């Protein structure tokens, strides 16, 4: 449910209530998720980034891939694991929120899954 006080100084979105909440359909809250399907190519696809809108608000998909890729494959020879790459993405998103919104920020949640050799471990 989208919420706002009368002066529009405190605006929020309660996600647990937004699914099927027809009262706020007019302001863009929809009950139908946007779903994309991608078949993983073991030769080409190297990692997956799953993140909330708090990441995507100020970080483009291309920038996120660059941030994660630099961590996983290292630009200076130092490689990091997926957890450290995820932390770098979260820190970058946090910095962008601070740059554009001051002390306010949306939730920032992310996962980085490294695909290389993922299936050989099972």
Foldseek 3Di string as FASTA:
>chain_A
DWDADPVRPDIDDDVVPLQVPPVCVVVPRYNDDDDDDDDDDQVPDFKDKDKDVLLVVQAPPVNLCVQLVCQQCNPPRHHHDQVVSLVSSQVVSVVVCCVPPNPDTDDIDMGMGTRHCPVVVD
